[in-house]
Amino acid sequence: MNTMTQKPTMTLYPTHSRGQADFGWLHSRHSFSFGQYYNPSRMGHGVLRVLNDDTVAGGAGFAPHDHRDMEIISYVLQGGLAHKDSTGGEGIIRPDELQVMTAGTGVEHSEYNASETEMVKFLQLWLLPKAKGLAPRYVQQAFAPPLGWQLLASPEGQKGSVQLNAQASLYRAKPAAGETLPTLATPQGAWLQVIEGEVTVNGQPLHAGDAVALEGGGLDVTATTAAHLLVVAMV
């Protein structure tokens, strides 16, 4: 993180522009083409291919299904997400925890709401891996509440982050109202997702659910209200 002089090219993606799916037990908003939602202009950003904002009803979830050659990240916002996979990975993911699964040569997993009565809300991201045919793996890690930008995942597992088999780093921040975050350098581009609250990003006002895609430069963020942000920075 440092001060950047290059002003990035920035594209706004308001929350209402996301694709939607509602199956009763599942309500999902898609930042990029996924499932029944297809938009040829929304096929990903950099190595980020999927970003789904999912809410799953109590007792419901995704039955065992297969994945291959993808880095899959689950970031829980509310409740608990029960995960089980064919590598032996198993656990309940809760807020302030991160799950990374390398699908690699092939993995089967299931994801269910850990509660029979309360909903679980989470973001799931799919990133294109640095190579095909990697060995499948499962990692779950807890993090302390962030101060400024917090590195959650990175290619080399820097600063206590989860090692990620993709050319990207994942950051989060939870600034208080009126707080200005240190400039986050993103010379290879980034995707910033506003999870909660209102912020300005490089002078652009954003609200919960909005996102911006950047090409180069850096991120200057000031929180208008208490906020929660997630950033995928390409490396």
Protein backbone atom coordinates (compact mmCIF):
# COMPACT_ATOMS: atom_id res chain seq x y z
CA MET A 1 0.00 0.00 0.00
CA ASN A 2 1.35 3.38 -0.95
CA THR A 3 0.32 6.66 -2.48
CA MET A 4 -0.40 6.36 -6.20
CA THR A 5 -0.11 9.20 -8.66
CA GLN A 6 -1.68 7.33 -11.59
CA LYS A 7 -5.42 7.79 -11.77
CA PRO A 8 -7.07 4.49 -12.69
CA THR A 9 -9.72 3.92 -15.31
CA MET A 10 -12.80 3.09 -13.25
CA THR A 11 -16.14 1.60 -14.31
CA LEU A 12 -19.17 1.72 -12.01
CA TYR A 13 -21.45 -1.32 -11.62
CA PRO A 14 -24.49 -0.27 -9.56
CA THR A 15 -26.24 -2.89 -7.46
CA HIS A 16 -29.36 -2.90 -9.68
CA SER A 17 -27.25 -3.98 -12.66
CA ARG A 18 -26.46 -7.37 -11.11
CA GLY A 19 -28.16 -10.53 -12.30
CA GLN A 20 -30.64 -12.14 -9.91
CA ALA A 21 -31.93 -15.61 -9.15
CA ASP A 22 -34.66 -16.51 -6.64
CA PHE A 23 -35.40 -20.17 -5.91
CA GLY A 24 -37.27 -19.62 -2.67
CA TRP A 25 -34.60 -21.20 -0.47
CA LEU A 26 -31.86 -19.25 -2.29
CA HIS A 27 -31.69 -15.63 -3.34
CA SER A 28 -28.58 -14.77 -5.31
CA ARG A 29 -27.19 -11.68 -6.99
CA HIS A 30 -24.57 -12.21 -9.68
CA SER A 31 -21.90 -9.64 -10.49
CA PHE A 32 -20.96 -11.72 -13.56
CA SER A 33 -22.68 -14.23 -15.84
CA PHE A 34 -23.61 -17.31 -13.83
CA GLY A 35 -26.23 -20.05 -14.06
CA GLN A 36 -29.36 -18.76 -15.79
CA TYR A 37 -28.00 -15.20 -15.87
CA TYR A 38 -25.96 -14.48 -18.98
CA ASN A 39 -24.61 -11.11 -20.03
CA PRO A 40 -21.76 -11.16 -22.58
CA SER A 41 -20.49 -7.85 -21.20
CA ARG A 42 -20.31 -9.31 -17.67
CA MET A 43 -17.95 -12.29 -17.96
CA GLY A 44 -15.53 -11.35 -15.19
CA HIS A 45 -12.77 -8.90 -14.40
CA GLY A 46 -9.16 -10.01 -14.62
CA VAL A 47 -8.91 -13.45 -12.99
CA LEU A 48 -12.18 -12.85 -11.08
CA ARG A 49 -14.80 -14.93 -12.89
CA VAL A 50 -17.66 -15.21 -10.36
CA LEU A 51 -18.86 -13.05 -7.49
CA ASN A 52 -22.19 -14.19 -6.10
CA ASP A 53 -24.01 -12.56 -3.18
CA ASP A 54 -26.03 -15.48 -1.75
CA THR A 55 -28.69 -15.73 0.96
CA VAL A 56 -29.72 -19.28 1.90
CA ALA A 57 -32.74 -20.12 4.06
CA GLY A 58 -32.46 -22.19 7.22
CA GLY A 59 -31.96 -25.91 6.64
CA ALA A 60 -31.26 -25.43 2.91
CA GLY A 61 -28.16 -25.49 0.77
CA PHE A 62 -26.24 -26.83 -2.17
CA ALA A 63 -26.13 -30.63 -2.49
CA PRO A 64 -22.79 -32.30 -3.40
CA HIS A 65 -21.55 -31.09 -6.78
CA ASP A 66 -18.28 -31.06 -8.72
CA HIS A 67 -15.77 -28.34 -9.55
CA ARG A 68 -12.50 -28.38 -11.45
CA ASP A 69 -9.64 -25.92 -12.11
CA MET A 70 -10.94 -22.99 -10.09
CA GLU A 71 -9.99 -21.18 -6.86
CA ILE A 72 -13.21 -20.85 -4.85
CA ILE A 73 -13.49 -18.42 -1.93
CA SER A 74 -16.39 -18.26 0.52
CA TYR A 75 -16.74 -15.18 2.76
CA VAL A 76 -19.60 -15.36 5.26
CA LEU A 77 -21.38 -12.16 6.26
CA GLN A 78 -24.08 -13.55 8.55
CA GLY A 79 -24.79 -16.95 10.07
CA GLY A 80 -22.83 -20.13 9.43
CA LEU A 81 -22.07 -22.05 6.23
CA ALA A 82 -21.41 -25.78 6.65
CA HIS A 83 -18.88 -27.11 4.13
CA LYS A 84 -17.85 -30.70 3.36
CA ASP A 85 -15.75 -31.93 0.43
CA SER A 86 -14.05 -34.94 -1.07
CA THR A 87 -10.58 -33.86 0.13
CA GLY A 88 -11.73 -34.40 3.72
CA GLY A 89 -12.19 -30.68 4.26
CA GLU A 90 -15.07 -29.94 6.62
CA GLY A 91 -16.14 -27.04 8.80
CA ILE A 92 -18.64 -24.29 9.55
CA ILE A 93 -17.54 -20.95 8.12
CA ARG A 94 -18.67 -17.89 10.09
CA PRO A 95 -18.11 -14.12 9.86
CA ASP A 96 -14.45 -13.09 10.17
CA GLU A 97 -13.41 -16.41 8.60
CA LEU A 98 -12.31 -17.18 5.07
CA GLN A 99 -12.53 -20.45 3.17
CA VAL A 100 -10.38 -21.14 0.12
CA MET A 101 -10.86 -24.31 -1.91
CA THR A 102 -8.61 -25.30 -4.80
CA ALA A 103 -10.76 -27.40 -7.13
CA GLY A 104 -7.76 -28.38 -9.26
CA THR A 105 -7.99 -31.87 -10.73
CA GLY A 106 -11.51 -32.20 -9.37
CA VAL A 107 -13.36 -31.93 -6.07
CA GLU A 108 -16.90 -32.61 -4.89
CA HIS A 109 -18.35 -30.45 -2.14
CA SER A 110 -21.58 -29.43 -0.46
CA GLU A 111 -22.58 -26.19 1.25
CA TYR A 112 -25.51 -25.97 3.64
CA ASN A 113 -26.89 -23.44 6.06
CA ALA A 114 -25.60 -24.58 9.46
CA SER A 115 -28.86 -23.38 11.07
CA GLU A 116 -32.32 -24.84 10.60
CA THR A 117 -33.99 -21.51 11.37
CA GLU A 118 -31.68 -18.57 10.63
CA MET A 119 -30.51 -17.51 7.17
CA VAL A 120 -26.87 -17.53 6.10
CA LYS A 121 -25.55 -14.75 3.90
CA PHE A 122 -22.22 -15.04 2.12
CA LEU A 123 -20.18 -13.99 -0.89
CA GLN A 124 -18.66 -16.65 -3.10
CA LEU A 125 -15.87 -15.79 -5.51
CA TRP A 126 -14.35 -17.94 -8.25
CA LEU A 127 -10.90 -17.04 -9.55
CA LEU A 128 -9.08 -18.51 -12.50
CA PRO A 129 -6.12 -20.51 -11.14
CA LYS A 130 -2.48 -19.87 -11.99
CA ALA A 131 -2.30 -23.36 -13.53
CA LYS A 132 -4.60 -26.25 -14.37
CA GLY A 133 -4.39 -29.65 -12.74
CA LEU A 134 -3.43 -28.48 -9.24
CA ALA A 135 -3.94 -30.78 -6.27
CA PRO A 136 -7.31 -30.10 -4.58
CA ARG A 137 -7.17 -28.55 -1.09
CA TYR A 138 -9.32 -26.89 1.55
CA VAL A 139 -8.25 -24.05 3.89
CA GLN A 140 -10.33 -22.27 6.52
CA GLN A 141 -8.85 -19.42 8.53
CA ALA A 142 -10.12 -16.91 11.09
CA PHE A 143 -9.08 -13.25 11.11
CA ALA A 144 -9.13 -10.52 13.74
CA PRO A 145 -11.33 -7.48 12.99
CA PRO A 146 -9.54 -5.31 10.40
CA LEU A 147 -7.77 -2.03 11.02
CA GLY A 148 -7.53 -0.28 7.67
CA TRP A 149 -7.00 -2.65 4.75
CA GLN A 150 -6.60 -6.27 5.82
CA LEU A 151 -4.98 -8.84 3.52
CA LEU A 152 -7.02 -12.05 3.57
CA ALA A 153 -5.50 -14.07 0.71
CA SER A 154 -2.50 -13.68 -1.58
CA PRO A 155 -0.35 -15.76 -3.96
CA GLU A 156 2.47 -16.20 -1.44
CA GLY A 157 0.36 -16.17 1.74
CA GLN A 158 1.93 -12.89 2.84
CA LYS A 159 1.30 -11.27 6.23
CA GLY A 160 -0.61 -14.24 7.63
CA SER A 161 -3.05 -14.39 4.73
CA VAL A 162 -4.33 -17.58 3.11
CA GLN A 163 -2.17 -18.74 0.20
CA LEU A 164 -4.11 -18.40 -3.05
CA ASN A 165 -3.34 -20.29 -6.28
CA ALA A 166 -4.34 -17.33 -8.45
CA GLN A 167 -2.76 -14.07 -9.56
CA ALA A 168 -4.79 -11.95 -7.17
CA SER A 169 -4.89 -10.73 -3.59
CA LEU A 170 -8.03 -10.35 -1.49
CA TYR A 171 -8.46 -7.44 0.93
CA ARG A 172 -11.24 -6.28 3.21
CA ALA A 173 -11.89 -3.14 5.24
CA LYS A 174 -14.55 -2.00 7.70
CA PRO A 175 -14.03 1.77 7.96
CA ALA A 176 -16.00 3.87 10.44
CA ALA A 177 -18.09 6.83 9.30
CA GLY A 178 -15.78 9.61 8.17
CA GLU A 179 -12.68 7.40 8.06
CA THR A 180 -10.29 7.68 5.10
CA LEU A 181 -8.38 4.49 4.35
CA PRO A 182 -4.72 4.45 3.24
CA THR A 183 -4.40 4.37 -0.53
CA LEU A 184 -4.43 0.77 -1.75
CA ALA A 185 -2.09 0.27 -4.70
CA THR A 186 -3.71 -1.73 -7.52
CA PRO A 187 -1.34 -1.30 -10.50
CA GLN A 188 -2.72 -4.40 -12.25
CA GLY A 189 -6.37 -3.47 -11.66
CA ALA A 190 -8.97 -4.47 -9.09
CA TRP A 191 -12.63 -5.11 -8.32
CA LEU A 192 -14.06 -3.32 -5.26
CA GLN A 193 -17.37 -4.55 -3.83
CA VAL A 194 -19.33 -2.49 -1.30
CA ILE A 195 -20.94 -4.97 1.09
CA GLU A 196 -22.43 -2.50 3.55
CA GLY A 197 -22.62 1.25 3.98
CA GLU A 198 -21.77 4.22 1.80
CA VAL A 199 -18.30 5.30 0.62
CA THR A 200 -16.57 7.39 -1.98
CA VAL A 201 -13.97 5.61 -4.11
CA ASN A 202 -11.64 7.90 -6.06
CA GLY A 203 -14.36 10.54 -5.69
CA GLN A 204 -17.21 8.26 -6.87
CA PRO A 205 -20.07 7.80 -4.35
CA LEU A 206 -21.00 4.15 -3.84
CA HIS A 207 -23.72 2.40 -1.85
CA ALA A 208 -24.21 -1.14 -0.54
CA GLY A 209 -24.20 -3.60 -3.44
CA ASP A 210 -22.36 -1.25 -5.82
CA ALA A 211 -18.98 -2.19 -7.28
CA VAL A 212 -16.23 -0.62 -9.35
CA ALA A 213 -13.78 -2.23 -11.75
CA LEU A 214 -10.38 -0.56 -12.00
CA GLU A 215 -7.64 -0.73 -14.58
CA GLY A 216 -4.37 0.27 -12.91
CA GLY A 217 -3.73 3.00 -10.37
CA GLY A 218 -4.95 2.81 -6.77
CA LEU A 219 -7.98 3.02 -4.51
CA ASP A 220 -8.68 6.09 -2.37
CA VAL A 221 -11.64 5.37 -0.08
CA THR A 222 -13.49 7.54 2.43
CA ALA A 223 -16.45 6.13 4.33
CA THR A 224 -19.59 8.27 4.43
CA THR A 225 -21.16 5.81 6.89
CA ALA A 226 -19.77 2.74 8.61
CA ALA A 227 -18.96 0.39 5.74
CA HIS A 228 -17.72 -3.06 4.78
CA LEU A 229 -15.63 -3.50 1.61
CA LEU A 230 -14.01 -6.39 -0.26
CA VAL A 231 -11.33 -5.90 -2.93
CA VAL A 232 -9.85 -8.37 -5.41
CA ALA A 233 -6.56 -6.83 -6.57
CA MET A 234 -4.87 -8.40 -9.59
CA VAL A 235 -1.15 -9.12 -9.21
